[in-house]
């Protein structure tokens, strides 16, 4: 299963951006889907997750209160709404299922 991540771009500090992750051919509700990010030379880090069925969510402390993960079952997508972006949010963002399927990554660059 190849997840499809999109929505990255270049924004200024304080701006918002919305990332989307499509799980083609699957019922997204049946998967726990998370967002991760990685900066060159550093380990990939957890950002947020939305759990299968219940839809409960969890966030990294660094994004809590600024990012919101949500799910659209009809469109088979999981979105990450990012607000009040900071330069330190600059990274390649990946979506992944708990079962180990990953998307290709989308670049988010936040200028100061």
PDB file of N, CA and C in Angstrom:
ATOM      1  N   UNK A   1       0.858  -1.183   0.000  1.00  0.00           N
ATOM      2  CA  UNK A   1       0.000   0.000   0.000  1.00  0.00           C
ATOM      3  C   UNK A   1       0.895   1.234   0.000  1.00  0.00           C
ATOM      4  N   UNK A   2       0.714   2.119  -0.946  1.00  0.00           N
ATOM      5  CA  UNK A   2       1.513   3.340  -1.047  1.00  0.00           C
ATOM      6  C   UNK A   2       0.644   4.516  -0.647  1.00  0.00           C
ATOM      7  N   UNK A   3       0.964   5.082   0.505  1.00  0.00           N
ATOM      8  CA  UNK A   3       0.233   6.255   0.931  1.00  0.00           C
ATOM      9  C   UNK A   3       0.686   7.454   0.104  1.00  0.00           C
ATOM     10  N   UNK A   4      -0.204   8.413  -0.074  1.00  0.00           N
ATOM     11  CA  UNK A   4       0.098   9.579  -0.901  1.00  0.00           C
ATOM     12  C   UNK A   4      -0.040  10.835  -0.054  1.00  0.00           C
ATOM     13  N   UNK A   5       1.087  11.454   0.254  1.00  0.00           N
ATOM     14  CA  UNK A   5       1.110  12.673   1.055  1.00  0.00           C
ATOM     15  C   UNK A   5       1.218  13.878   0.142  1.00  0.00           C
ATOM     16  N   UNK A   6       0.535  14.949   0.497  1.00  0.00           N
ATOM     17  CA  UNK A   6       0.573  16.165  -0.303  1.00  0.00           C
ATOM     18  C   UNK A   6       0.280  17.371   0.579  1.00  0.00           C
ATOM     19  N   UNK A   7       0.508  18.560   0.018  1.00  0.00           N
ATOM     20  CA  UNK A   7       0.133  19.779   0.707  1.00  0.00           C
ATOM     21  C   UNK A   7       1.292  20.596   1.249  1.00  0.00           C
ATOM     22  N   UNK A   8       2.500  20.111   1.118  1.00  0.00           N
ATOM     23  CA  UNK A   8       3.635  20.862   1.625  1.00  0.00           C
ATOM     24  C   UNK A   8       3.888  22.114   0.811  1.00  0.00           C
ATOM     25  N   UNK A   9       4.784  22.948   1.312  1.00  0.00           N
ATOM     26  CA  UNK A   9       5.121  24.164   0.598  1.00  0.00           C
ATOM     27  C   UNK A   9       5.990  25.076   1.423  1.00  0.00           C
ATOM     28  N   UNK A  10       6.195  26.280   0.900  1.00  0.00           N
ATOM     29  CA  UNK A  10       6.996  27.304   1.569  1.00  0.00           C
ATOM     30  C   UNK A  10       6.057  28.366   2.136  1.00  0.00           C
ATOM     31  N   UNK A  11       6.122  28.560   3.442  1.00  0.00           N
ATOM     32  CA  UNK A  11       5.285  29.555   4.107  1.00  0.00           C
ATOM     33  C   UNK A  11       6.136  30.378   5.055  1.00  0.00           C
ATOM     34  N   UNK A  12       5.540  31.440   5.574  1.00  0.00           N
ATOM     35  CA  UNK A  12       6.227  32.280   6.553  1.00  0.00           C
ATOM     36  C   UNK A  12       5.829  31.876   7.966  1.00  0.00           C
ATOM     37  N   UNK A  13       6.672  32.208   8.907  1.00  0.00           N
ATOM     38  CA  UNK A  13       6.363  31.927  10.303  1.00  0.00           C
ATOM     39  C   UNK A  13       5.016  32.554  10.667  1.00  0.00           C
ATOM     40  N   UNK A  14       4.221  31.777  11.371  1.00  0.00           N
ATOM     41  CA  UNK A  14       2.898  32.236  11.758  1.00  0.00           C
ATOM     42  C   UNK A  14       1.789  31.807  10.819  1.00  0.00           C
ATOM     43  N   UNK A  15       2.159  31.355   9.632  1.00  0.00           N
ATOM     44  CA  UNK A  15       1.171  30.916   8.647  1.00  0.00           C
ATOM     45  C   UNK A  15       0.638  29.525   8.994  1.00  0.00           C
ATOM     46  N   UNK A  16      -0.361  29.107   8.217  1.00  0.00           N
ATOM     47  CA  UNK A  16      -0.949  27.778   8.363  1.00  0.00           C
ATOM     48  C   UNK A  16      -0.753  26.986   7.080  1.00  0.00           C
ATOM     49  N   UNK A  17      -0.822  25.683   7.230  1.00  0.00           N
ATOM     50  CA  UNK A  17      -0.680  24.780   6.093  1.00  0.00           C
ATOM     51  C   UNK A  17      -1.426  23.501   6.425  1.00  0.00           C
ATOM     52  N   UNK A  18      -1.979  22.878   5.394  1.00  0.00           N
ATOM     53  CA  UNK A  18      -2.720  21.636   5.606  1.00  0.00           C
ATOM     54  C   UNK A  18      -2.126  20.527   4.753  1.00  0.00           C
ATOM     55  N   UNK A  19      -1.714  19.476   5.403  1.00  0.00           N
ATOM     56  CA  UNK A  19      -1.195  18.302   4.709  1.00  0.00           C
ATOM     57  C   UNK A  19      -2.290  17.245   4.619  1.00  0.00           C
ATOM     58  N   UNK A  20      -2.257  16.481   3.545  1.00  0.00           N
ATOM     59  CA  UNK A  20      -3.221  15.397   3.370  1.00  0.00           C
ATOM     60  C   UNK A  20      -2.499  14.100   3.066  1.00  0.00           C
ATOM     61  N   UNK A  21      -3.065  13.023   3.543  1.00  0.00           N
ATOM     62  CA  UNK A  21      -2.510  11.692   3.302  1.00  0.00           C
ATOM     63  C   UNK A  21      -3.651  10.805   2.829  1.00  0.00           C
ATOM     64  N   UNK A  22      -3.528  10.299   1.637  1.00  0.00           N
ATOM     65  CA  UNK A  22      -4.554   9.431   1.069  1.00  0.00           C
ATOM     66  C   UNK A  22      -4.113   7.983   1.172  1.00  0.00           C
ATOM     67  N   UNK A  23      -5.039   7.150   1.582  1.00  0.00           N
ATOM     68  CA  UNK A  23      -4.780   5.713   1.674  1.00  0.00           C
ATOM     69  C   UNK A  23      -5.616   5.058   0.572  1.00  0.00           C
ATOM     70  N   UNK A  24      -5.046   4.894  -0.599  1.00  0.00           N
ATOM     71  CA  UNK A  24      -5.839   4.418  -1.734  1.00  0.00           C
ATOM     72  C   UNK A  24      -6.292   2.975  -1.561  1.00  0.00           C
ATOM     73  N   UNK A  25      -7.549   2.755  -1.919  1.00  0.00           N
ATOM     74  CA  UNK A  25      -8.061   1.394  -1.929  1.00  0.00           C
ATOM     75  C   UNK A  25      -8.286   0.789  -0.572  1.00  0.00           C
ATOM     76  N   UNK A  26      -8.232   1.609   0.479  1.00  0.00           N
ATOM     77  CA  UNK A  26      -8.404   1.078   1.835  1.00  0.00           C
ATOM     78  C   UNK A  26      -9.425   1.928   2.581  1.00  0.00           C
ATOM     79  N   UNK A  27      -9.945   1.384   3.629  1.00  0.00           N
ATOM     80  CA  UNK A  27     -10.826   2.129   4.508  1.00  0.00           C
ATOM     81  C   UNK A  27      -9.962   2.748   5.589  1.00  0.00           C
ATOM     82  N   UNK A  28      -9.766   4.054   5.504  1.00  0.00           N
ATOM     83  CA  UNK A  28      -8.803   4.715   6.383  1.00  0.00           C
ATOM     84  C   UNK A  28      -9.178   4.570   7.851  1.00  0.00           C
ATOM     85  N   UNK A  29     -10.442   4.402   8.106  1.00  0.00           N
ATOM     86  CA  UNK A  29     -10.889   4.243   9.490  1.00  0.00           C
ATOM     87  C   UNK A  29     -10.308   2.985  10.123  1.00  0.00           C
ATOM     88  N   UNK A  30      -9.944   2.023   9.307  1.00  0.00           N
ATOM     89  CA  UNK A  30      -9.426   0.750   9.813  1.00  0.00           C
ATOM     90  C   UNK A  30      -7.951   0.814  10.198  1.00  0.00           C
ATOM     91  N   UNK A  31      -7.332   1.968   9.975  1.00  0.00           N
ATOM     92  CA  UNK A  31      -5.904   2.096  10.249  1.00  0.00           C
ATOM     93  C   UNK A  31      -5.640   3.202  11.261  1.00  0.00           C
ATOM     94  N   UNK A  32      -4.652   2.972  12.102  1.00  0.00           N
ATOM     95  CA  UNK A  32      -4.057   4.080  12.837  1.00  0.00           C
ATOM     96  C   UNK A  32      -3.061   4.730  11.887  1.00  0.00           C
ATOM     97  N   UNK A  33      -3.204   6.027  11.684  1.00  0.00           N
ATOM     98  CA  UNK A  33      -2.341   6.760  10.748  1.00  0.00           C
ATOM     99  C   UNK A  33      -1.644   7.878  11.487  1.00  0.00           C
ATOM    100  N   UNK A  34      -0.355   7.960  11.280  1.00  0.00           N
ATOM    101  CA  UNK A  34       0.424   8.985  11.952  1.00  0.00           C
ATOM    102  C   UNK A  34       1.176   9.862  10.974  1.00  0.00           C
ATOM    103  N   UNK A  35       1.553  11.020  11.470  1.00  0.00           N
ATOM    104  CA  UNK A  35       2.436  11.926  10.741  1.00  0.00           C
ATOM    105  C   UNK A  35       3.776  11.987  11.471  1.00  0.00           C
ATOM    106  N   UNK A  36       4.832  11.988  10.686  1.00  0.00           N
ATOM    107  CA  UNK A  36       6.184  12.071  11.200  1.00  0.00           C
ATOM    108  C   UNK A  36       6.920  13.133  10.382  1.00  0.00           C
ATOM    109  N   UNK A  37       8.039  13.588  10.906  1.00  0.00           N
ATOM    110  CA  UNK A  37       8.818  14.547  10.142  1.00  0.00           C
ATOM    111  C   UNK A  37      10.303  14.285  10.339  1.00  0.00           C
ATOM    112  N   UNK A  38      11.071  14.709   9.357  1.00  0.00           N
ATOM    113  CA  UNK A  38      12.497  14.474   9.414  1.00  0.00           C
ATOM    114  C   UNK A  38      13.261  15.624   8.799  1.00  0.00           C
ATOM    115  N   UNK A  39      14.284  16.041   9.517  1.00  0.00           N
ATOM    116  CA  UNK A  39      15.218  17.051   9.050  1.00  0.00           C
ATOM    117  C   UNK A  39      16.502  16.331   8.672  1.00  0.00           C
ATOM    118  N   UNK A  40      17.156  16.728   7.587  1.00  0.00           N
ATOM    119  CA  UNK A  40      18.400  16.053   7.184  1.00  0.00           C
ATOM    120  C   UNK A  40      19.399  15.978   8.335  1.00  0.00           C
ATOM    121  N   UNK A  41      19.944  14.781   8.534  1.00  0.00           N
ATOM    122  CA  UNK A  41      20.936  14.598   9.581  1.00  0.00           C
ATOM    123  C   UNK A  41      20.344  14.285  10.940  1.00  0.00           C
ATOM    124  N   UNK A  42      19.030  14.272  11.023  1.00  0.00           N
ATOM    125  CA  UNK A  42      18.375  13.962  12.296  1.00  0.00           C
ATOM    126  C   UNK A  42      17.415  12.798  12.116  1.00  0.00           C
ATOM    127  N   UNK A  43      17.074  12.166  13.222  1.00  0.00           N
ATOM    128  CA  UNK A  43      16.151  11.048  13.169  1.00  0.00           C
ATOM    129  C   UNK A  43      14.732  11.527  12.896  1.00  0.00           C
ATOM    130  N   UNK A  44      13.987  10.641  12.255  1.00  0.00           N
ATOM    131  CA  UNK A  44      12.582  10.945  12.020  1.00  0.00           C
ATOM    132  C   UNK A  44      11.861  11.014  13.361  1.00  0.00           C
ATOM    133  N   UNK A  45      10.985  11.991  13.515  1.00  0.00           N
ATOM    134  CA  UNK A  45      10.293  12.154  14.796  1.00  0.00           C
ATOM    135  C   UNK A  45       8.781  12.115  14.616  1.00  0.00           C
ATOM    136  N   UNK A  46       8.150  11.650  15.642  1.00  0.00           N
ATOM    137  CA  UNK A  46       6.690  11.557  15.674  1.00  0.00           C
ATOM    138  C   UNK A  46       6.072  12.942  15.790  1.00  0.00           C
ATOM    139  N   UNK A  47       4.963  13.146  15.066  1.00  0.00           N
ATOM    140  CA  UNK A  47       4.251  14.422  15.128  1.00  0.00           C
ATOM    141  C   UNK A  47       2.846  14.224  15.714  1.00  0.00           C
ATOM    142  N   UNK A  48       2.074  13.330  15.113  1.00  0.00           N
ATOM    143  CA  UNK A  48       0.694  13.134  15.564  1.00  0.00           C
ATOM    144  C   UNK A  48       0.183  11.803  15.044  1.00  0.00           C
ATOM    145  N   UNK A  49      -0.845  11.284  15.703  1.00  0.00           N
ATOM    146  CA  UNK A  49      -1.464  10.039  15.274  1.00  0.00           C
ATOM    147  C   UNK A  49      -2.954  10.102  15.537  1.00  0.00           C
ATOM    148  N   UNK A  50      -3.704   9.475  14.658  1.00  0.00           N
ATOM    149  CA  UNK A  50      -5.132   9.282  14.869  1.00  0.00           C
ATOM    150  C   UNK A  50      -5.386   7.776  14.804  1.00  0.00           C
ATOM    151  N   UNK A  51      -6.018   7.273  15.820  1.00  0.00           N
ATOM    152  CA  UNK A  51      -6.132   5.828  15.967  1.00  0.00           C
ATOM    153  C   UNK A  51      -7.317   5.270  15.203  1.00  0.00           C
ATOM    154  N   UNK A  52      -7.169   4.003  14.815  1.00  0.00           N
ATOM    155  CA  UNK A  52      -8.221   3.321  14.079  1.00  0.00           C
ATOM    156  C   UNK A  52      -9.496   3.307  14.895  1.00  0.00           C
ATOM    157  N   UNK A  53     -10.583   3.297  14.187  1.00  0.00           N
ATOM    158  CA  UNK A  53     -11.925   3.209  14.736  1.00  0.00           C
ATOM    159  C   UNK A  53     -12.286   4.346  15.689  1.00  0.00           C
ATOM    160  N   UNK A  54     -11.652   4.413  16.862  1.00  0.00           N
ATOM    161  CA  UNK A  54     -12.048   5.416  17.843  1.00  0.00           C
ATOM    162  C   UNK A  54     -11.751   6.832  17.378  1.00  0.00           C
ATOM    163  N   UNK A  55     -10.691   6.987  16.580  1.00  0.00           N
ATOM    164  CA  UNK A  55     -10.316   8.321  16.140  1.00  0.00           C
ATOM    165  C   UNK A  55      -9.640   9.153  17.217  1.00  0.00           C
ATOM    166  N   UNK A  56      -9.228   8.516  18.304  1.00  0.00           N
ATOM    167  CA  UNK A  56      -8.529   9.282  19.344  1.00  0.00           C
ATOM    168  C   UNK A  56      -7.188   9.751  18.790  1.00  0.00           C
ATOM    169  N   UNK A  57      -6.702  10.845  19.321  1.00  0.00           N
ATOM    170  CA  UNK A  57      -5.500  11.467  18.781  1.00  0.00           C
ATOM    171  C   UNK A  57      -4.440  11.676  19.860  1.00  0.00           C
ATOM    172  N   UNK A  58      -3.216  11.799  19.393  1.00  0.00           N
ATOM    173  CA  UNK A  58      -2.094  12.101  20.290  1.00  0.00           C
ATOM    174  C   UNK A  58      -1.101  12.941  19.511  1.00  0.00           C
ATOM    175  N   UNK A  59      -0.445  13.860  20.221  1.00  0.00           N
ATOM    176  CA  UNK A  59       0.467  14.796  19.568  1.00  0.00           C
ATOM    177  C   UNK A  59       1.808  14.850  20.277  1.00  0.00           C
ATOM    178  N   UNK A  60       2.820  15.183  19.515  1.00  0.00           N
ATOM    179  CA  UNK A  60       4.104  15.497  20.125  1.00  0.00           C
ATOM    180  C   UNK A  60       3.964  16.804  20.885  1.00  0.00           C
ATOM    181  N   UNK A  61       4.690  16.940  21.970  1.00  0.00           N
ATOM    182  CA  UNK A  61       4.590  18.158  22.773  1.00  0.00           C
ATOM    183  C   UNK A  61       4.927  19.396  21.944  1.00  0.00           C
ATOM    184  N   UNK A  62       5.822  19.250  20.999  1.00  0.00           N
ATOM    185  CA  UNK A  62       6.275  20.403  20.219  1.00  0.00           C
ATOM    186  C   UNK A  62       5.200  20.978  19.295  1.00  0.00           C
ATOM    187  N   UNK A  63       4.158  20.207  19.019  1.00  0.00           N
ATOM    188  CA  UNK A  63       3.113  20.689  18.108  1.00  0.00           C
ATOM    189  C   UNK A  63       1.745  20.771  18.776  1.00  0.00           C
ATOM    190  N   UNK A  64       1.660  20.327  20.004  1.00  0.00           N
ATOM    191  CA  UNK A  64       0.373  20.313  20.709  1.00  0.00           C
ATOM    192  C   UNK A  64      -0.197  21.717  20.795  1.00  0.00           C
ATOM    193  N   UNK A  65      -1.457  21.843  20.437  1.00  0.00           N
ATOM    194  CA  UNK A  65      -2.111  23.146  20.458  1.00  0.00           C
ATOM    195  C   UNK A  65      -1.966  23.918  19.154  1.00  0.00           C
ATOM    196  N   UNK A  66      -1.078  23.468  18.279  1.00  0.00           N
ATOM    197  CA  UNK A  66      -0.895  24.152  16.991  1.00  0.00           C
ATOM    198  C   UNK A  66      -1.304  23.276  15.811  1.00  0.00           C
ATOM    199  N   UNK A  67      -1.121  21.977  15.945  1.00  0.00           N
ATOM    200  CA  UNK A  67      -1.439  21.040  14.861  1.00  0.00           C
ATOM    201  C   UNK A  67      -2.682  20.234  15.240  1.00  0.00           C
ATOM    202  N   UNK A  68      -3.463  19.903  14.225  1.00  0.00           N
ATOM    203  CA  UNK A  68      -4.650  19.070  14.431  1.00  0.00           C
ATOM    204  C   UNK A  68      -4.692  17.986  13.377  1.00  0.00           C
ATOM    205  N   UNK A  69      -4.788  16.754  13.816  1.00  0.00           N
ATOM    206  CA  UNK A  69      -4.915  15.625  12.898  1.00  0.00           C
ATOM    207  C   UNK A  69      -6.376  15.212  12.842  1.00  0.00           C
ATOM    208  N   UNK A  70      -6.839  14.908  11.635  1.00  0.00           N
ATOM    209  CA  UNK A  70      -8.239  14.522  11.473  1.00  0.00           C
ATOM    210  C   UNK A  70      -8.352  13.512  10.339  1.00  0.00           C
ATOM    211  N   UNK A  71      -9.531  12.947  10.245  1.00  0.00           N
ATOM    212  CA  UNK A  71      -9.746  11.881   9.271  1.00  0.00           C
ATOM    213  C   UNK A  71     -11.049  12.128   8.523  1.00  0.00           C
ATOM    214  N   UNK A  72     -11.028  11.880   7.214  1.00  0.00           N
ATOM    215  CA  UNK A  72     -12.234  11.952   6.390  1.00  0.00           C
ATOM    216  C   UNK A  72     -12.462  10.563   5.825  1.00  0.00           C
ATOM    217  N   UNK A  73     -13.375   9.840   6.427  1.00  0.00           N
ATOM    218  CA  UNK A  73     -13.590   8.453   6.016  1.00  0.00           C
ATOM    219  C   UNK A  73     -14.106   8.353   4.587  1.00  0.00           C
ATOM    220  N   UNK A  74     -14.916   9.308   4.174  1.00  0.00           N
ATOM    221  CA  UNK A  74     -15.475   9.262   2.824  1.00  0.00           C
ATOM    222  C   UNK A  74     -14.398   9.433   1.759  1.00  0.00           C
ATOM    223  N   UNK A  75     -13.380  10.230   2.075  1.00  0.00           N
ATOM    224  CA  UNK A  75     -12.318  10.493   1.105  1.00  0.00           C
ATOM    225  C   UNK A  75     -11.081   9.632   1.348  1.00  0.00           C
ATOM    226  N   UNK A  76     -11.126   8.802   2.369  1.00  0.00           N
ATOM    227  CA  UNK A  76      -9.980   7.957   2.710  1.00  0.00           C
ATOM    228  C   UNK A  76      -8.709   8.771   2.933  1.00  0.00           C
ATOM    229  N   UNK A  77      -8.851   9.895   3.604  1.00  0.00           N
ATOM    230  CA  UNK A  77      -7.702  10.749   3.842  1.00  0.00           C
ATOM    231  C   UNK A  77      -7.552  11.069   5.325  1.00  0.00           C
ATOM    232  N   UNK A  78      -6.318  11.302   5.699  1.00  0.00           N
ATOM    233  CA  UNK A  78      -5.987  11.815   7.028  1.00  0.00           C
ATOM    234  C   UNK A  78      -5.251  13.133   6.806  1.00  0.00           C
ATOM    235  N   UNK A  79      -5.707  14.173   7.478  1.00  0.00           N
ATOM    236  CA  UNK A  79      -5.124  15.493   7.284  1.00  0.00           C
ATOM    237  C   UNK A  79      -4.388  15.950   8.532  1.00  0.00           C
ATOM    238  N   UNK A  80      -3.421  16.822   8.307  1.00  0.00           N
ATOM    239  CA  UNK A  80      -2.711  17.471   9.407  1.00  0.00           C
ATOM    240  C   UNK A  80      -2.807  18.973   9.180  1.00  0.00           C
ATOM    241  N   UNK A  81      -3.640  19.618   9.961  1.00  0.00           N
ATOM    242  CA  UNK A  81      -3.782  21.068   9.892  1.00  0.00           C
ATOM    243  C   UNK A  81      -2.724  21.671  10.795  1.00  0.00           C
ATOM    244  N   UNK A  82      -1.858  22.480  10.214  1.00  0.00           N
ATOM    245  CA  UNK A  82      -0.754  23.059  10.961  1.00  0.00           C
ATOM    246  C   UNK A  82      -0.963  24.572  11.043  1.00  0.00           C
ATOM    247  N   UNK A  83      -0.977  25.089  12.235  1.00  0.00           N
ATOM    248  CA  UNK A  83      -1.168  26.520  12.440  1.00  0.00           C
ATOM    249  C   UNK A  83       0.015  27.090  13.210  1.00  0.00           C
ATOM    250  N   UNK A  84       0.131  28.403  13.139  1.00  0.00           N
ATOM    251  CA  UNK A  84       1.200  29.108  13.852  1.00  0.00           C
ATOM    252  C   UNK A  84       2.539  28.421  13.609  1.00  0.00           C
ATOM    253  N   UNK A  85       2.846  28.219  12.355  1.00  0.00           N
ATOM    254  CA  UNK A  85       4.062  27.495  12.013  1.00  0.00           C
ATOM    255  C   UNK A  85       5.306  28.266  12.421  1.00  0.00           C
ATOM    256  N   UNK A  86       6.333  27.509  12.790  1.00  0.00           N
ATOM    257  CA  UNK A  86       7.599  28.072  13.223  1.00  0.00           C
ATOM    258  C   UNK A  86       8.711  27.560  12.310  1.00  0.00           C
ATOM    259  N   UNK A  87       9.807  28.273  12.216  1.00  0.00           N
ATOM    260  CA  UNK A  87      10.918  27.785  11.393  1.00  0.00           C
ATOM    261  C   UNK A  87      11.369  26.378  11.786  1.00  0.00           C
ATOM    262  N   UNK A  88      11.272  26.055  13.052  1.00  0.00           N
ATOM    263  CA  UNK A  88      11.693  24.720  13.505  1.00  0.00           C
ATOM    264  C   UNK A  88      10.734  23.621  13.076  1.00  0.00           C
ATOM    265  N   UNK A  89       9.619  23.980  12.468  1.00  0.00           N
ATOM    266  CA  UNK A  89       8.709  22.976  11.900  1.00  0.00           C
ATOM    267  C   UNK A  89       9.161  22.550  10.500  1.00  0.00           C
ATOM    268  N   UNK A  90      10.163  23.220   9.970  1.00  0.00           N
ATOM    269  CA  UNK A  90      10.679  22.876   8.647  1.00  0.00           C
ATOM    270  C   UNK A  90      11.207  21.446   8.635  1.00  0.00           C
ATOM    271  N   UNK A  91      10.700  20.646   7.712  1.00  0.00           N
ATOM    272  CA  UNK A  91      11.072  19.234   7.632  1.00  0.00           C
ATOM    273  C   UNK A  91      10.353  18.602   6.451  1.00  0.00           C
ATOM    274  N   UNK A  92      10.724  17.385   6.150  1.00  0.00           N
ATOM    275  CA  UNK A  92       9.931  16.561   5.251  1.00  0.00           C
ATOM    276  C   UNK A  92       8.931  15.802   6.121  1.00  0.00           C
ATOM    277  N   UNK A  93       7.674  15.911   5.784  1.00  0.00           N
ATOM    278  CA  UNK A  93       6.609  15.279   6.556  1.00  0.00           C
ATOM    279  C   UNK A  93       6.146  14.011   5.852  1.00  0.00           C
ATOM    280  N   UNK A  94       6.027  12.958   6.637  1.00  0.00           N
ATOM    281  CA  UNK A  94       5.600  11.661   6.126  1.00  0.00           C
ATOM    282  C   UNK A  94       4.351  11.204   6.871  1.00  0.00           C
ATOM    283  N   UNK A  95       3.483  10.509   6.156  1.00  0.00           N
ATOM    284  CA  UNK A  95       2.391   9.823   6.826  1.00  0.00           C
ATOM    285  C   UNK A  95       2.660   8.321   6.756  1.00  0.00           C
ATOM    286  N   UNK A  96       2.130   7.618   7.731  1.00  0.00           N
ATOM    287  CA  UNK A  96       2.367   6.184   7.794  1.00  0.00           C
ATOM    288  C   UNK A  96       1.258   5.512   8.580  1.00  0.00           C
ATOM    289  N   UNK A  97       0.998   4.260   8.244  1.00  0.00           N
ATOM    290  CA  UNK A  97       0.056   3.488   9.039  1.00  0.00           C
ATOM    291  C   UNK A  97       0.823   2.728  10.117  1.00  0.00           C
ATOM    292  N   UNK A  98       0.118   2.322  11.132  1.00  0.00           N
ATOM    293  CA  UNK A  98       0.747   1.568  12.214  1.00  0.00           C
ATOM    294  C   UNK A  98       1.278   0.230  11.716  1.00  0.00           C
ATOM    295  N   UNK A  99       0.724  -0.254  10.623  1.00  0.00           N
ATOM    296  CA  UNK A  99       1.158  -1.534  10.069  1.00  0.00           C
ATOM    297  C   UNK A  99       2.387  -1.402   9.190  1.00  0.00           C
ATOM    298  N   UNK A 100       2.893  -0.160   9.031  1.00  0.00           N
ATOM    299  CA  UNK A 100       4.179  -0.015   8.362  1.00  0.00           C
ATOM    300  C   UNK A 100       4.166   0.485   6.938  1.00  0.00           C
ATOM    301  N   UNK A 101       3.041   0.971   6.455  1.00  0.00           N
ATOM    302  CA  UNK A 101       2.991   1.561   5.119  1.00  0.00           C
ATOM    303  C   UNK A 101       3.299   3.047   5.223  1.00  0.00           C
ATOM    304  N   UNK A 102       4.144   3.530   4.311  1.00  0.00           N
ATOM    305  CA  UNK A 102       4.588   4.922   4.359  1.00  0.00           C
ATOM    306  C   UNK A 102       4.259   5.644   3.064  1.00  0.00           C
ATOM    307  N   UNK A 103       4.106   6.966   3.184  1.00  0.00           N
ATOM    308  CA  UNK A 103       3.984   7.826   2.028  1.00  0.00           C
ATOM    309  C   UNK A 103       5.358   8.319   1.622  1.00  0.00           C
ATOM    310  N   UNK A 104       5.413   9.080   0.529  1.00  0.00           N
ATOM    311  CA  UNK A 104       6.688   9.493  -0.046  1.00  0.00           C
ATOM    312  C   UNK A 104       7.262  10.739   0.614  1.00  0.00           C
ATOM    313  N   UNK A 105       6.509  11.430   1.419  1.00  0.00           N
ATOM    314  CA  UNK A 105       6.999  12.634   2.071  1.00  0.00           C
ATOM    315  C   UNK A 105       6.664  13.890   1.294  1.00  0.00           C
ATOM    316  N   UNK A 106       6.426  14.954   2.039  1.00  0.00           N
ATOM    317  CA  UNK A 106       6.156  16.259   1.444  1.00  0.00           C
ATOM    318  C   UNK A 106       6.913  17.321   2.238  1.00  0.00           C
ATOM    319  N   UNK A 107       7.578  18.209   1.519  1.00  0.00           N
ATOM    320  CA  UNK A 107       8.460  19.193   2.157  1.00  0.00           C
ATOM    321  C   UNK A 107       7.654  20.371   2.695  1.00  0.00           C
ATOM    322  N   UNK A 108       7.921  20.716   3.938  1.00  0.00           N
ATOM    323  CA  UNK A 108       7.365  21.917   4.545  1.00  0.00           C
ATOM    324  C   UNK A 108       8.533  22.811   4.948  1.00  0.00           C
ATOM    325  N   UNK A 109       8.527  24.031   4.446  1.00  0.00           N
ATOM    326  CA  UNK A 109       9.582  24.986   4.766  1.00  0.00           C
ATOM    327  C   UNK A 109       8.941  26.243   5.335  1.00  0.00           C
ATOM    328  N   UNK A 110       9.373  26.615   6.525  1.00  0.00           N
ATOM    329  CA  UNK A 110       8.836  27.790   7.200  1.00  0.00           C
ATOM    330  C   UNK A 110       9.952  28.818   7.334  1.00  0.00           C
ATOM    331  N   UNK A 111       9.775  29.948   6.690  1.00  0.00           N
ATOM    332  CA  UNK A 111      10.785  30.994   6.746  1.00  0.00           C
ATOM    333  C   UNK A 111      10.498  31.950   7.895  1.00  0.00           C
ATOM    334  N   UNK A 112      11.559  32.511   8.443  1.00  0.00           N
ATOM    335  CA  UNK A 112      11.392  33.415   9.591  1.00  0.00           C
ATOM    336  C   UNK A 112      11.163  34.846   9.138  1.00  0.00           C
TER     337      UNK A 112
END
